[in-house]
Amino acid sequence: MEDQLTQPKPRDPRALNAYRHGLTGQVLIFTPEDEVAYKAHCQNIHEYYAPVGGMEVELVQEIADDRWRLKHAVALINNSFALGMTRPDTITAHHPEIDAAFAQTRTWHDDAKSIALLSLYQQRIKNKEMKTTALLLQLQHERREALKQAVEEAALLARLAASKGETLHIERDLPRLTSYPQFDFSAPEIGRLILHAQRLAEARKLFPKPQKPLRMVA
């Protein structure tokens, strides 16, 4: 009976899932549980950054994959120490907590090179993630500024058309931005933003911010 309990069991290859990533096109191999966790992780990252356009989507996916690798590295380090606690004790204090501390220390000594490599691996991934995030935020800033410029120009042209008794047709009269060809703003979106800006300006006139009271100088 003891031999049956200690004998290692071969891993069933059917316990792994393979799926082709919809964004990267790569085939990824996961356990069913890891696949669910990975998809939820990527979805959370994409929802947070809300990318627009192909380049932003790719950068967000890079960030998601880098953060997934960071989580994996942390898990590997934790599992290394947990695995060390299953090895036979050479020194024991006959106290569970003390023996556990000894086992973790022994793991650090025995596997110091592997743990150090994992730490270096984490730092490099973190640096890459920071650079990717900076590039993404820059692209998103340029996109928002381009949209702001488009809305301001459309609003000004609408006022000009109204002063002449005409109506501005955004799709017909407003040319696409040539400064940022990678950003394509829909006419309905620009129209909604123009209306929002007009209402906001009217509201600010009707309800100005209260001025802060002057502080008395002692």
N, C-alpha and C. Protein backbone atom coordinates (compact mmCIF):
# COMPACT_ATOMS: atom_id res chain seq x y z
N MET A 1 0.84 -1.21 0.00
CA MET A 1 0.00 0.00 0.00
C MET A 1 0.87 1.25 0.00
N GLU A 2 1.96 1.23 0.78
CA GLU A 2 2.85 2.40 0.85
C GLU A 2 3.49 2.68 -0.49
N ASP A 3 3.88 1.60 -1.23
CA ASP A 3 4.49 1.80 -2.54
C ASP A 3 3.52 2.44 -3.52
N GLN A 4 2.23 2.08 -3.40
CA GLN A 4 1.23 2.67 -4.28
C GLN A 4 1.03 4.16 -4.00
N LEU A 5 1.20 4.56 -2.72
CA LEU A 5 1.01 5.96 -2.36
C LEU A 5 2.19 6.83 -2.80
N THR A 6 3.40 6.28 -2.72
CA THR A 6 4.59 7.09 -3.01
C THR A 6 5.00 7.01 -4.47
N GLN A 7 4.49 6.03 -5.22
CA GLN A 7 4.89 5.89 -6.61
C GLN A 7 4.34 7.05 -7.44
N PRO A 8 5.20 7.78 -8.17
CA PRO A 8 4.70 8.92 -8.96
C PRO A 8 3.77 8.47 -10.08
N LYS A 9 2.74 9.26 -10.32
CA LYS A 9 1.78 8.96 -11.38
C LYS A 9 2.12 9.79 -12.60
N PRO A 10 2.10 9.17 -13.79
CA PRO A 10 2.36 9.96 -15.01
C PRO A 10 1.27 10.98 -15.25
N ARG A 11 1.66 12.15 -15.71
CA ARG A 11 0.69 13.21 -15.99
C ARG A 11 -0.08 12.90 -17.27
N ASP A 12 -1.36 13.04 -17.19
CA ASP A 12 -2.22 12.78 -18.34
C ASP A 12 -2.14 13.97 -19.30
N PRO A 13 -1.61 13.79 -20.53
CA PRO A 13 -1.50 14.93 -21.46
C PRO A 13 -2.86 15.50 -21.83
N ARG A 14 -3.93 14.74 -21.64
CA ARG A 14 -5.26 15.25 -21.95
C ARG A 14 -5.72 16.30 -20.94
N ALA A 15 -4.95 16.45 -19.85
CA ALA A 15 -5.31 17.45 -18.85
C ALA A 15 -4.89 18.85 -19.26
N LEU A 16 -4.30 18.99 -20.46
CA LEU A 16 -3.86 20.29 -20.96
C LEU A 16 -4.77 20.74 -22.10
N ASN A 17 -4.97 22.04 -22.18
CA ASN A 17 -5.77 22.63 -23.26
C ASN A 17 -4.88 23.45 -24.17
N ALA A 18 -5.17 23.42 -25.46
CA ALA A 18 -4.46 24.25 -26.43
C ALA A 18 -5.49 25.13 -27.12
N TYR A 19 -5.19 26.43 -27.18
CA TYR A 19 -6.09 27.32 -27.91
C TYR A 19 -5.28 28.41 -28.60
N ARG A 20 -5.78 28.86 -29.73
CA ARG A 20 -5.08 29.90 -30.49
C ARG A 20 -5.59 31.26 -30.03
N HIS A 21 -4.63 32.08 -29.59
CA HIS A 21 -4.99 33.39 -29.07
C HIS A 21 -5.58 34.25 -30.18
N GLY A 22 -6.71 34.88 -29.89
CA GLY A 22 -7.41 35.67 -30.90
C GLY A 22 -6.67 36.91 -31.33
N LEU A 23 -5.79 37.45 -30.48
CA LEU A 23 -5.07 38.68 -30.81
C LEU A 23 -3.68 38.41 -31.34
N THR A 24 -2.96 37.48 -30.71
CA THR A 24 -1.57 37.22 -31.12
C THR A 24 -1.48 36.14 -32.18
N GLY A 25 -2.51 35.29 -32.30
CA GLY A 25 -2.47 34.20 -33.26
C GLY A 25 -1.61 33.04 -32.84
N GLN A 26 -1.07 33.09 -31.62
CA GLN A 26 -0.19 32.04 -31.14
C GLN A 26 -1.00 30.93 -30.47
N VAL A 27 -0.48 29.70 -30.57
CA VAL A 27 -1.10 28.57 -29.89
C VAL A 27 -0.53 28.49 -28.48
N LEU A 28 -1.39 28.54 -27.47
CA LEU A 28 -0.97 28.52 -26.08
C LEU A 28 -1.45 27.23 -25.42
N ILE A 29 -0.61 26.66 -24.58
CA ILE A 29 -0.93 25.42 -23.89
C ILE A 29 -1.13 25.73 -22.42
N PHE A 30 -2.29 25.38 -21.89
CA PHE A 30 -2.62 25.64 -20.49
C PHE A 30 -3.34 24.44 -19.91
N THR A 31 -3.34 24.38 -18.59
CA THR A 31 -4.33 23.54 -17.93
C THR A 31 -5.68 24.25 -18.07
N PRO A 32 -6.78 23.53 -17.97
CA PRO A 32 -8.09 24.20 -18.08
C PRO A 32 -8.25 25.35 -17.10
N GLU A 33 -7.75 25.17 -15.86
CA GLU A 33 -7.88 26.22 -14.85
C GLU A 33 -7.03 27.44 -15.21
N ASP A 34 -5.80 27.20 -15.70
CA ASP A 34 -4.94 28.32 -16.07
C ASP A 34 -5.49 29.07 -17.29
N GLU A 35 -6.11 28.33 -18.20
CA GLU A 35 -6.68 28.99 -19.38
C GLU A 35 -7.78 29.96 -18.97
N VAL A 36 -8.64 29.54 -18.06
CA VAL A 36 -9.70 30.42 -17.57
C VAL A 36 -9.11 31.64 -16.88
N ALA A 37 -8.09 31.41 -16.03
CA ALA A 37 -7.46 32.51 -15.31
C ALA A 37 -6.77 33.48 -16.27
N TYR A 38 -6.09 32.94 -17.29
CA TYR A 38 -5.37 33.79 -18.25
C TYR A 38 -6.34 34.66 -19.04
N LYS A 39 -7.44 34.07 -19.51
CA LYS A 39 -8.41 34.83 -20.27
C LYS A 39 -9.03 35.94 -19.43
N ALA A 40 -9.36 35.62 -18.17
CA ALA A 40 -9.93 36.64 -17.28
C ALA A 40 -8.91 37.74 -17.01
N HIS A 41 -7.65 37.36 -16.84
CA HIS A 41 -6.58 38.34 -16.61
C HIS A 41 -6.46 39.29 -17.79
N CYS A 42 -6.41 38.75 -19.01
CA CYS A 42 -6.28 39.59 -20.20
C CYS A 42 -7.49 40.49 -20.37
N GLN A 43 -8.67 39.96 -20.11
CA GLN A 43 -9.88 40.76 -20.24
C GLN A 43 -9.86 41.95 -19.28
N ASN A 44 -9.40 41.73 -18.06
CA ASN A 44 -9.33 42.82 -17.08
C ASN A 44 -8.37 43.92 -17.55
N ILE A 45 -7.22 43.51 -18.08
CA ILE A 45 -6.24 44.50 -18.54
C ILE A 45 -6.79 45.30 -19.72
N HIS A 46 -7.44 44.63 -20.65
CA HIS A 46 -7.99 45.32 -21.82
C HIS A 46 -9.12 46.26 -21.41
N GLU A 47 -9.94 45.84 -20.46
CA GLU A 47 -11.03 46.71 -20.01
C GLU A 47 -10.46 47.94 -19.29
N TYR A 48 -9.37 47.77 -18.57
CA TYR A 48 -8.79 48.90 -17.84
C TYR A 48 -8.23 49.94 -18.80
N TYR A 49 -7.46 49.50 -19.81
CA TYR A 49 -6.81 50.46 -20.71
C TYR A 49 -7.71 50.88 -21.87
N ALA A 50 -8.77 50.12 -22.15
CA ALA A 50 -9.72 50.44 -23.22
C ALA A 50 -9.01 50.86 -24.51
N PRO A 51 -8.23 49.98 -25.12
CA PRO A 51 -7.47 50.37 -26.30
C PRO A 51 -8.37 50.62 -27.50
N VAL A 52 -7.92 51.52 -28.39
CA VAL A 52 -8.61 51.82 -29.64
C VAL A 52 -7.61 51.67 -30.77
N GLY A 53 -7.93 50.88 -31.76
CA GLY A 53 -7.01 50.71 -32.89
C GLY A 53 -6.06 49.55 -32.67
N GLY A 54 -5.52 49.06 -33.77
CA GLY A 54 -4.67 47.87 -33.74
C GLY A 54 -3.43 48.00 -32.87
N MET A 55 -2.72 49.12 -32.98
CA MET A 55 -1.48 49.28 -32.22
C MET A 55 -1.75 49.31 -30.73
N GLU A 56 -2.77 50.04 -30.30
CA GLU A 56 -3.08 50.10 -28.87
C GLU A 56 -3.47 48.71 -28.35
N VAL A 57 -4.24 47.97 -29.14
CA VAL A 57 -4.64 46.62 -28.72
C VAL A 57 -3.42 45.73 -28.55
N GLU A 58 -2.47 45.81 -29.47
CA GLU A 58 -1.26 44.99 -29.37
C GLU A 58 -0.44 45.36 -28.14
N LEU A 59 -0.31 46.64 -27.88
CA LEU A 59 0.47 47.07 -26.72
C LEU A 59 -0.20 46.62 -25.41
N VAL A 60 -1.52 46.71 -25.36
CA VAL A 60 -2.23 46.27 -24.16
C VAL A 60 -2.05 44.77 -23.96
N GLN A 61 -2.06 44.02 -25.06
CA GLN A 61 -1.86 42.57 -24.94
C GLN A 61 -0.44 42.27 -24.45
N GLU A 62 0.54 43.04 -24.90
CA GLU A 62 1.91 42.87 -24.40
C GLU A 62 1.95 43.10 -22.89
N ILE A 63 1.28 44.14 -22.43
CA ILE A 63 1.24 44.43 -21.00
C ILE A 63 0.58 43.28 -20.24
N ALA A 64 -0.52 42.78 -20.78
CA ALA A 64 -1.22 41.67 -20.14
C ALA A 64 -0.32 40.44 -20.04
N ASP A 65 0.40 40.13 -21.12
CA ASP A 65 1.28 38.95 -21.10
C ASP A 65 2.45 39.15 -20.13
N ASP A 66 3.00 40.35 -20.09
CA ASP A 66 4.11 40.61 -19.16
C ASP A 66 3.64 40.48 -17.71
N ARG A 67 2.48 41.00 -17.41
CA ARG A 67 1.97 40.90 -16.04
C ARG A 67 1.64 39.44 -15.70
N TRP A 68 1.20 38.68 -16.67
CA TRP A 68 0.95 37.25 -16.45
C TRP A 68 2.27 36.53 -16.14
N ARG A 69 3.33 36.88 -16.86
CA ARG A 69 4.64 36.28 -16.60
C ARG A 69 5.15 36.66 -15.21
N LEU A 70 4.90 37.88 -14.79
CA LEU A 70 5.30 38.30 -13.44
C LEU A 70 4.58 37.47 -12.38
N LYS A 71 3.29 37.25 -12.58
CA LYS A 71 2.55 36.41 -11.64
C LYS A 71 3.10 34.99 -11.64
N HIS A 72 3.45 34.49 -12.81
CA HIS A 72 4.00 33.14 -12.91
C HIS A 72 5.34 33.04 -12.18
N ALA A 73 6.17 34.07 -12.32
CA ALA A 73 7.47 34.06 -11.65
C ALA A 73 7.29 34.04 -10.13
N VAL A 74 6.36 34.83 -9.62
CA VAL A 74 6.08 34.84 -8.18
C VAL A 74 5.62 33.47 -7.72
N ALA A 75 4.75 32.84 -8.52
CA ALA A 75 4.26 31.51 -8.17
C ALA A 75 5.38 30.49 -8.16
N LEU A 76 6.31 30.59 -9.12
CA LEU A 76 7.43 29.66 -9.17
C LEU A 76 8.31 29.78 -7.93
N ILE A 77 8.57 31.01 -7.50
CA ILE A 77 9.39 31.20 -6.31
C ILE A 77 8.68 30.63 -5.08
N ASN A 78 7.40 30.94 -4.94
CA ASN A 78 6.65 30.41 -3.79
C ASN A 78 6.60 28.89 -3.81
N ASN A 79 6.41 28.33 -5.00
CA ASN A 79 6.34 26.87 -5.11
C ASN A 79 7.68 26.22 -4.84
N SER A 80 8.77 26.92 -5.17
CA SER A 80 10.10 26.38 -4.89
C SER A 80 10.31 26.21 -3.38
N PHE A 81 9.90 27.22 -2.62
CA PHE A 81 10.02 27.12 -1.16
C PHE A 81 9.06 26.06 -0.60
N ALA A 82 7.87 25.97 -1.19
CA ALA A 82 6.92 24.95 -0.73
C ALA A 82 7.45 23.55 -1.03
N LEU A 83 8.07 23.39 -2.21
CA LEU A 83 8.64 22.09 -2.56
C LEU A 83 9.77 21.72 -1.62
N GLY A 84 10.55 22.72 -1.21
CA GLY A 84 11.65 22.45 -0.28
C GLY A 84 11.17 21.90 1.05
N MET A 85 9.96 22.24 1.43
CA MET A 85 9.43 21.77 2.70
C MET A 85 9.02 20.30 2.65
N THR A 86 8.97 19.73 1.44
CA THR A 86 8.63 18.31 1.31
C THR A 86 9.86 17.42 1.31
N ARG A 87 11.05 18.02 1.26
CA ARG A 87 12.28 17.23 1.23
C ARG A 87 12.60 16.72 2.64
N PRO A 88 13.31 15.59 2.72
CA PRO A 88 13.68 15.06 4.05
C PRO A 88 14.54 16.06 4.81
N ASP A 89 14.26 16.19 6.12
CA ASP A 89 15.00 17.12 6.97
C ASP A 89 16.33 16.51 7.39
N THR A 90 17.38 17.31 7.24
CA THR A 90 18.68 16.89 7.77
C THR A 90 18.89 17.41 9.18
N ILE A 91 18.26 18.53 9.48
CA ILE A 91 18.29 19.09 10.83
C ILE A 91 16.85 19.38 11.23
N THR A 92 16.47 18.92 12.40
CA THR A 92 15.10 19.14 12.84
C THR A 92 15.06 19.61 14.28
N ALA A 93 14.15 20.52 14.56
CA ALA A 93 13.96 21.02 15.92
C ALA A 93 12.72 20.40 16.55
N HIS A 94 12.05 19.50 15.79
CA HIS A 94 10.84 18.85 16.27
C HIS A 94 9.76 19.87 16.64
N HIS A 95 9.74 20.97 15.88
CA HIS A 95 8.72 22.00 16.04
C HIS A 95 8.26 22.39 14.63
N PRO A 96 6.97 22.28 14.32
CA PRO A 96 6.52 22.50 12.93
C PRO A 96 6.96 23.82 12.33
N GLU A 97 6.81 24.90 13.07
CA GLU A 97 7.13 26.21 12.49
C GLU A 97 8.63 26.40 12.33
N ILE A 98 9.39 25.93 13.31
CA ILE A 98 10.85 26.05 13.21
C ILE A 98 11.37 25.18 12.07
N ASP A 99 10.86 23.96 11.95
CA ASP A 99 11.30 23.07 10.88
C ASP A 99 10.92 23.63 9.51
N ALA A 100 9.75 24.29 9.43
CA ALA A 100 9.34 24.91 8.16
C ALA A 100 10.29 26.05 7.80
N ALA A 101 10.69 26.84 8.80
CA ALA A 101 11.63 27.94 8.55
C ALA A 101 12.99 27.40 8.10
N PHE A 102 13.43 26.30 8.75
CA PHE A 102 14.70 25.67 8.36
C PHE A 102 14.61 25.17 6.91
N ALA A 103 13.48 24.56 6.56
CA ALA A 103 13.32 24.00 5.22
C ALA A 103 13.37 25.10 4.17
N GLN A 104 12.74 26.25 4.44
CA GLN A 104 12.78 27.35 3.48
C GLN A 104 14.18 27.93 3.35
N THR A 105 14.88 28.02 4.49
CA THR A 105 16.26 28.52 4.44
C THR A 105 17.14 27.58 3.64
N ARG A 106 16.95 26.27 3.83
CA ARG A 106 17.73 25.29 3.08
C ARG A 106 17.45 25.40 1.58
N THR A 107 16.18 25.64 1.25
CA THR A 107 15.82 25.81 -0.16
C THR A 107 16.52 27.03 -0.74
N TRP A 108 16.55 28.11 0.03
CA TRP A 108 17.23 29.32 -0.46
C TRP A 108 18.71 29.06 -0.72
N HIS A 109 19.35 28.29 0.17
CA HIS A 109 20.77 27.97 -0.02
C HIS A 109 20.97 27.03 -1.20
N ASP A 110 20.14 26.00 -1.30
CA ASP A 110 20.33 24.98 -2.34
C ASP A 110 19.94 25.49 -3.72
N ASP A 111 18.90 26.32 -3.78
CA ASP A 111 18.38 26.77 -5.08
C ASP A 111 18.62 28.27 -5.29
N ALA A 112 19.67 28.79 -4.67
CA ALA A 112 19.91 30.24 -4.73
C ALA A 112 20.06 30.73 -6.17
N LYS A 113 20.73 29.95 -7.02
CA LYS A 113 20.95 30.38 -8.40
C LYS A 113 19.62 30.48 -9.15
N SER A 114 18.77 29.48 -8.99
CA SER A 114 17.48 29.50 -9.68
C SER A 114 16.61 30.64 -9.19
N ILE A 115 16.60 30.87 -7.88
CA ILE A 115 15.79 31.95 -7.32
C ILE A 115 16.31 33.31 -7.79
N ALA A 116 17.64 33.45 -7.85
CA ALA A 116 18.22 34.70 -8.34
C ALA A 116 17.87 34.94 -9.80
N LEU A 117 17.90 33.87 -10.60
CA LEU A 117 17.54 34.01 -12.01
C LEU A 117 16.08 34.42 -12.16
N LEU A 118 15.21 33.87 -11.32
CA LEU A 118 13.81 34.26 -11.36
C LEU A 118 13.63 35.73 -10.99
N SER A 119 14.40 36.19 -9.99
CA SER A 119 14.32 37.60 -9.60
C SER A 119 14.79 38.50 -10.73
N LEU A 120 15.87 38.10 -11.41
CA LEU A 120 16.36 38.87 -12.56
C LEU A 120 15.33 38.86 -13.69
N TYR A 121 14.72 37.72 -13.89
CA TYR A 121 13.66 37.57 -14.88
C TYR A 121 12.50 38.52 -14.58
N GLN A 122 12.12 38.61 -13.32
CA GLN A 122 11.05 39.52 -12.93
C GLN A 122 11.41 40.97 -13.23
N GLN A 123 12.63 41.37 -12.89
CA GLN A 123 13.04 42.76 -13.07
C GLN A 123 13.05 43.14 -14.55
N ARG A 124 13.52 42.23 -15.40
CA ARG A 124 13.56 42.52 -16.83
C ARG A 124 12.14 42.64 -17.41
N ILE A 125 11.26 41.76 -16.97
CA ILE A 125 9.88 41.83 -17.44
C ILE A 125 9.23 43.14 -16.98
N LYS A 126 9.49 43.52 -15.72
CA LYS A 126 8.92 44.75 -15.19
C LYS A 126 9.41 45.96 -15.97
N ASN A 127 10.69 45.99 -16.30
CA ASN A 127 11.23 47.10 -17.09
C ASN A 127 10.57 47.16 -18.46
N LYS A 128 10.39 46.00 -19.08
CA LYS A 128 9.74 45.96 -20.39
C LYS A 128 8.29 46.42 -20.30
N GLU A 129 7.61 45.99 -19.25
CA GLU A 129 6.21 46.40 -19.07
C GLU A 129 6.10 47.91 -18.91
N MET A 130 7.02 48.52 -18.15
CA MET A 130 6.98 49.96 -17.94
C MET A 130 7.19 50.71 -19.26
N LYS A 131 8.10 50.23 -20.11
CA LYS A 131 8.34 50.88 -21.40
C LYS A 131 7.11 50.74 -22.31
N THR A 132 6.52 49.55 -22.31
CA THR A 132 5.33 49.33 -23.14
C THR A 132 4.18 50.20 -22.66
N THR A 133 4.01 50.30 -21.35
CA THR A 133 2.94 51.13 -20.80
C THR A 133 3.14 52.60 -21.16
N ALA A 134 4.38 53.06 -21.08
CA ALA A 134 4.67 54.46 -21.43
C ALA A 134 4.33 54.73 -22.90
N LEU A 135 4.68 53.80 -23.79
CA LEU A 135 4.37 53.97 -25.21
C LEU A 135 2.85 53.96 -25.43
N LEU A 136 2.15 53.07 -24.74
CA LEU A 136 0.70 53.01 -24.87
C LEU A 136 0.05 54.32 -24.42
N LEU A 137 0.47 54.82 -23.26
CA LEU A 137 -0.12 56.06 -22.74
C LEU A 137 0.16 57.23 -23.66
N GLN A 138 1.33 57.23 -24.30
CA GLN A 138 1.65 58.30 -25.24
C GLN A 138 0.73 58.24 -26.46
N LEU A 139 0.50 57.03 -26.98
CA LEU A 139 -0.39 56.88 -28.12
C LEU A 139 -1.82 57.29 -27.76
N GLN A 140 -2.26 56.90 -26.56
CA GLN A 140 -3.61 57.26 -26.15
C GLN A 140 -3.74 58.76 -25.94
N HIS A 141 -2.69 59.40 -25.44
CA HIS A 141 -2.70 60.86 -25.28
C HIS A 141 -2.79 61.54 -26.65
N GLU A 142 -2.02 61.07 -27.63
CA GLU A 142 -2.06 61.65 -28.97
C GLU A 142 -3.44 61.45 -29.59
N ARG A 143 -4.04 60.28 -29.36
CA ARG A 143 -5.38 60.03 -29.90
C ARG A 143 -6.41 60.99 -29.30
N ARG A 144 -6.35 61.17 -27.99
CA ARG A 144 -7.31 62.07 -27.33
C ARG A 144 -7.11 63.51 -27.79
N GLU A 145 -5.85 63.92 -27.94
CA GLU A 145 -5.58 65.28 -28.40
C GLU A 145 -6.07 65.48 -29.83
N ALA A 146 -5.89 64.44 -30.67
CA ALA A 146 -6.36 64.53 -32.05
C ALA A 146 -7.88 64.63 -32.09
N LEU A 147 -8.54 63.86 -31.24
CA LEU A 147 -10.00 63.93 -31.18
C LEU A 147 -10.45 65.30 -30.67
N LYS A 148 -9.76 65.82 -29.66
CA LYS A 148 -10.09 67.14 -29.13
C LYS A 148 -9.95 68.21 -30.21
N GLN A 149 -8.88 68.11 -31.00
CA GLN A 149 -8.68 69.06 -32.08
C GLN A 149 -9.79 68.95 -33.12
N ALA A 150 -10.17 67.72 -33.45
CA ALA A 150 -11.23 67.52 -34.44
C ALA A 150 -12.55 68.10 -33.96
N VAL A 151 -12.85 67.91 -32.68
CA VAL A 151 -14.10 68.44 -32.12
C VAL A 151 -14.08 69.97 -32.12
N GLU A 152 -12.96 70.57 -31.73
CA GLU A 152 -12.86 72.04 -31.71
C GLU A 152 -13.04 72.62 -33.10
N GLU A 153 -12.41 71.99 -34.09
CA GLU A 153 -12.53 72.48 -35.46
C GLU A 153 -13.95 72.32 -35.97
N ALA A 154 -14.57 71.17 -35.67
CA ALA A 154 -15.94 70.93 -36.12
C ALA A 154 -16.91 71.91 -35.47
N ALA A 155 -16.72 72.18 -34.17
CA ALA A 155 -17.60 73.12 -33.47
C ALA A 155 -17.46 74.52 -34.06
N LEU A 156 -16.23 74.93 -34.38
CA LEU A 156 -16.01 76.25 -34.97
C LEU A 156 -16.65 76.36 -36.34
N LEU A 157 -16.52 75.30 -37.14
CA LEU A 157 -17.12 75.30 -38.47
C LEU A 157 -18.65 75.29 -38.38
N ALA A 158 -19.17 74.61 -37.35
CA ALA A 158 -20.63 74.59 -37.16
C ALA A 158 -21.14 75.99 -36.83
N ARG A 159 -20.40 76.74 -36.01
CA ARG A 159 -20.79 78.11 -35.68
C ARG A 159 -20.74 79.00 -36.92
N LEU A 160 -19.70 78.78 -37.74
CA LEU A 160 -19.59 79.56 -38.97
C LEU A 160 -20.77 79.28 -39.90
N ALA A 161 -21.10 78.01 -40.04
CA ALA A 161 -22.22 77.64 -40.90
C ALA A 161 -23.53 78.22 -40.38
N ALA A 162 -23.72 78.19 -39.05
CA ALA A 162 -24.94 78.74 -38.46
C ALA A 162 -25.04 80.24 -38.69
N SER A 163 -23.90 80.94 -38.63
CA SER A 163 -23.92 82.39 -38.84
C SER A 163 -24.32 82.75 -40.27
N LYS A 164 -24.14 81.80 -41.19
CA LYS A 164 -24.52 82.03 -42.58
C LYS A 164 -25.87 81.40 -42.93
N GLY A 165 -26.55 80.89 -41.90
CA GLY A 165 -27.83 80.25 -42.14
C GLY A 165 -27.70 78.90 -42.79
N GLU A 166 -26.55 78.27 -42.65
CA GLU A 166 -26.30 76.97 -43.24
C GLU A 166 -26.20 75.92 -42.14
N THR A 167 -26.12 74.68 -42.56
CA THR A 167 -25.96 73.56 -41.63
C THR A 167 -24.69 72.80 -41.97
N LEU A 168 -23.89 72.52 -40.95
CA LEU A 168 -22.65 71.78 -41.17
C LEU A 168 -22.96 70.28 -41.21
N HIS A 169 -22.55 69.65 -42.31
CA HIS A 169 -22.64 68.20 -42.42
C HIS A 169 -21.25 67.63 -42.15
N ILE A 170 -21.11 67.01 -40.99
CA ILE A 170 -19.78 66.59 -40.55
C ILE A 170 -19.14 65.63 -41.54
N GLU A 171 -19.89 64.63 -41.99
CA GLU A 171 -19.29 63.63 -42.89
C GLU A 171 -18.88 64.25 -44.22
N ARG A 172 -19.64 65.26 -44.67
CA ARG A 172 -19.35 65.86 -45.97
C ARG A 172 -18.35 67.01 -45.86
N ASP A 173 -18.48 67.83 -44.84
CA ASP A 173 -17.72 69.08 -44.78
C ASP A 173 -16.43 68.99 -43.96
N LEU A 174 -16.33 68.00 -43.08
CA LEU A 174 -15.15 67.93 -42.23
C LEU A 174 -14.19 66.89 -42.77
N PRO A 175 -13.01 67.29 -43.27
CA PRO A 175 -12.06 66.31 -43.80
C PRO A 175 -11.45 65.49 -42.68
N ARG A 176 -10.98 64.33 -43.05
CA ARG A 176 -10.31 63.50 -42.06
C ARG A 176 -9.00 64.15 -41.64
N LEU A 177 -8.63 63.87 -40.41
CA LEU A 177 -7.38 64.43 -39.91
C LEU A 177 -6.21 63.82 -40.66
N THR A 178 -5.32 64.67 -41.16
CA THR A 178 -4.14 64.16 -41.86
C THR A 178 -2.95 64.04 -40.92
N SER A 179 -3.02 64.72 -39.76
CA SER A 179 -1.90 64.67 -38.83
C SER A 179 -1.79 63.30 -38.15
N TYR A 180 -2.94 62.66 -37.92
CA TYR A 180 -2.96 61.37 -37.23
C TYR A 180 -3.79 60.38 -38.04
N PRO A 181 -3.26 59.87 -39.15
CA PRO A 181 -4.06 58.98 -40.00
C PRO A 181 -4.44 57.67 -39.33
N GLN A 182 -3.74 57.29 -38.24
CA GLN A 182 -4.06 56.04 -37.56
C GLN A 182 -5.33 56.14 -36.72
N PHE A 183 -5.83 57.35 -36.51
CA PHE A 183 -7.04 57.55 -35.74
C PHE A 183 -8.19 57.90 -36.67
N ASP A 184 -9.24 57.15 -36.62
CA ASP A 184 -10.39 57.39 -37.48
C ASP A 184 -11.60 57.64 -36.58
N PHE A 185 -12.03 58.90 -36.52
CA PHE A 185 -13.13 59.28 -35.64
C PHE A 185 -14.42 59.33 -36.45
N SER A 186 -15.44 58.70 -35.93
CA SER A 186 -16.71 58.66 -36.64
C SER A 186 -17.43 60.00 -36.51
N ALA A 187 -18.23 60.31 -37.52
CA ALA A 187 -18.99 61.56 -37.50
C ALA A 187 -19.98 61.59 -36.34
N PRO A 188 -20.71 60.51 -36.06
CA PRO A 188 -21.61 60.56 -34.89
C PRO A 188 -20.88 60.84 -33.58
N GLU A 189 -19.67 60.27 -33.45
CA GLU A 189 -18.90 60.51 -32.23
C GLU A 189 -18.53 61.98 -32.09
N ILE A 190 -18.07 62.58 -33.18
CA ILE A 190 -17.71 63.99 -33.15
C ILE A 190 -18.95 64.85 -32.88
N GLY A 191 -20.07 64.49 -33.49
CA GLY A 191 -21.30 65.24 -33.27
C GLY A 191 -21.74 65.21 -31.82
N ARG A 192 -21.64 64.03 -31.19
CA ARG A 192 -22.01 63.92 -29.77
C ARG A 192 -21.09 64.75 -28.90
N LEU A 193 -19.80 64.75 -29.23
CA LEU A 193 -18.84 65.51 -28.43
C LEU A 193 -19.04 67.02 -28.60
N ILE A 194 -19.41 67.45 -29.80
CA ILE A 194 -19.70 68.87 -30.01
C ILE A 194 -20.89 69.29 -29.16
N LEU A 195 -21.95 68.49 -29.19
CA LEU A 195 -23.14 68.80 -28.39
C LEU A 195 -22.80 68.80 -26.90
N HIS A 196 -21.97 67.85 -26.48
CA HIS A 196 -21.56 67.80 -25.07
C HIS A 196 -20.79 69.05 -24.68
N ALA A 197 -19.86 69.48 -25.54
CA ALA A 197 -19.06 70.67 -25.25
C ALA A 197 -19.94 71.91 -25.17
N GLN A 198 -20.93 72.01 -26.07
CA GLN A 198 -21.82 73.17 -26.06
C GLN A 198 -22.65 73.21 -24.78
N ARG A 199 -23.20 72.07 -24.39
CA ARG A 199 -24.01 72.02 -23.17
C ARG A 199 -23.16 72.29 -21.93
N LEU A 200 -21.93 71.77 -21.94
CA LEU A 200 -21.05 71.99 -20.80
C LEU A 200 -20.70 73.46 -20.67
N ALA A 201 -20.44 74.12 -21.81
CA ALA A 201 -20.12 75.56 -21.76
C ALA A 201 -21.32 76.37 -21.26
N GLU A 202 -22.52 75.99 -21.70
CA GLU A 202 -23.73 76.68 -21.24
C GLU A 202 -23.94 76.47 -19.75
N ALA A 203 -23.70 75.24 -19.27
CA ALA A 203 -23.87 74.95 -17.85
C ALA A 203 -22.87 75.73 -17.00
N ARG A 204 -21.67 75.88 -17.51
CA ARG A 204 -20.65 76.61 -16.75
C ARG A 204 -20.99 78.10 -16.64
N LYS A 205 -21.65 78.64 -17.67
CA LYS A 205 -22.08 80.03 -17.60
C LYS A 205 -23.19 80.22 -16.58
N LEU A 206 -24.12 79.25 -16.56
CA LEU A 206 -25.25 79.35 -15.64
C LEU A 206 -24.86 79.03 -14.19
N PHE A 207 -23.91 78.10 -14.04
CA PHE A 207 -23.52 77.66 -12.71
C PHE A 207 -22.00 77.77 -12.55
N PRO A 208 -21.49 78.97 -12.44
CA PRO A 208 -20.03 79.13 -12.30
C PRO A 208 -19.55 78.57 -10.98
N LYS A 209 -18.29 78.19 -10.98
CA LYS A 209 -17.70 77.66 -9.76
C LYS A 209 -17.61 78.75 -8.71
N PRO A 210 -17.95 78.46 -7.47
CA PRO A 210 -17.82 79.48 -6.42
C PRO A 210 -16.35 79.80 -6.18
N GLN A 211 -16.08 81.09 -6.05
CA GLN A 211 -14.69 81.49 -5.81
C GLN A 211 -14.29 81.15 -4.39
N LYS A 212 -13.04 80.72 -4.26
CA LYS A 212 -12.53 80.38 -2.93
C LYS A 212 -12.37 81.66 -2.09
N PRO A 213 -12.79 81.61 -0.84
CA PRO A 213 -12.63 82.81 -0.01
C PRO A 213 -11.17 83.13 0.23
N LEU A 214 -10.87 84.42 0.27
CA LEU A 214 -9.49 84.84 0.51
C LEU A 214 -9.10 84.55 1.97
N ARG A 215 -7.89 84.06 2.12
CA ARG A 215 -7.40 83.79 3.46
C ARG A 215 -6.83 85.06 4.07
N MET A 216 -7.14 85.26 5.32
CA MET A 216 -6.60 86.43 6.04
C MET A 216 -5.15 86.15 6.41
N VAL A 217 -4.30 87.11 6.09
CA VAL A 217 -2.88 86.97 6.44
C VAL A 217 -2.67 87.46 7.85
N ALA A 218 -2.09 86.61 8.67
CA ALA A 218 -1.88 87.00 10.08
C ALA A 218 -0.78 88.02 10.20
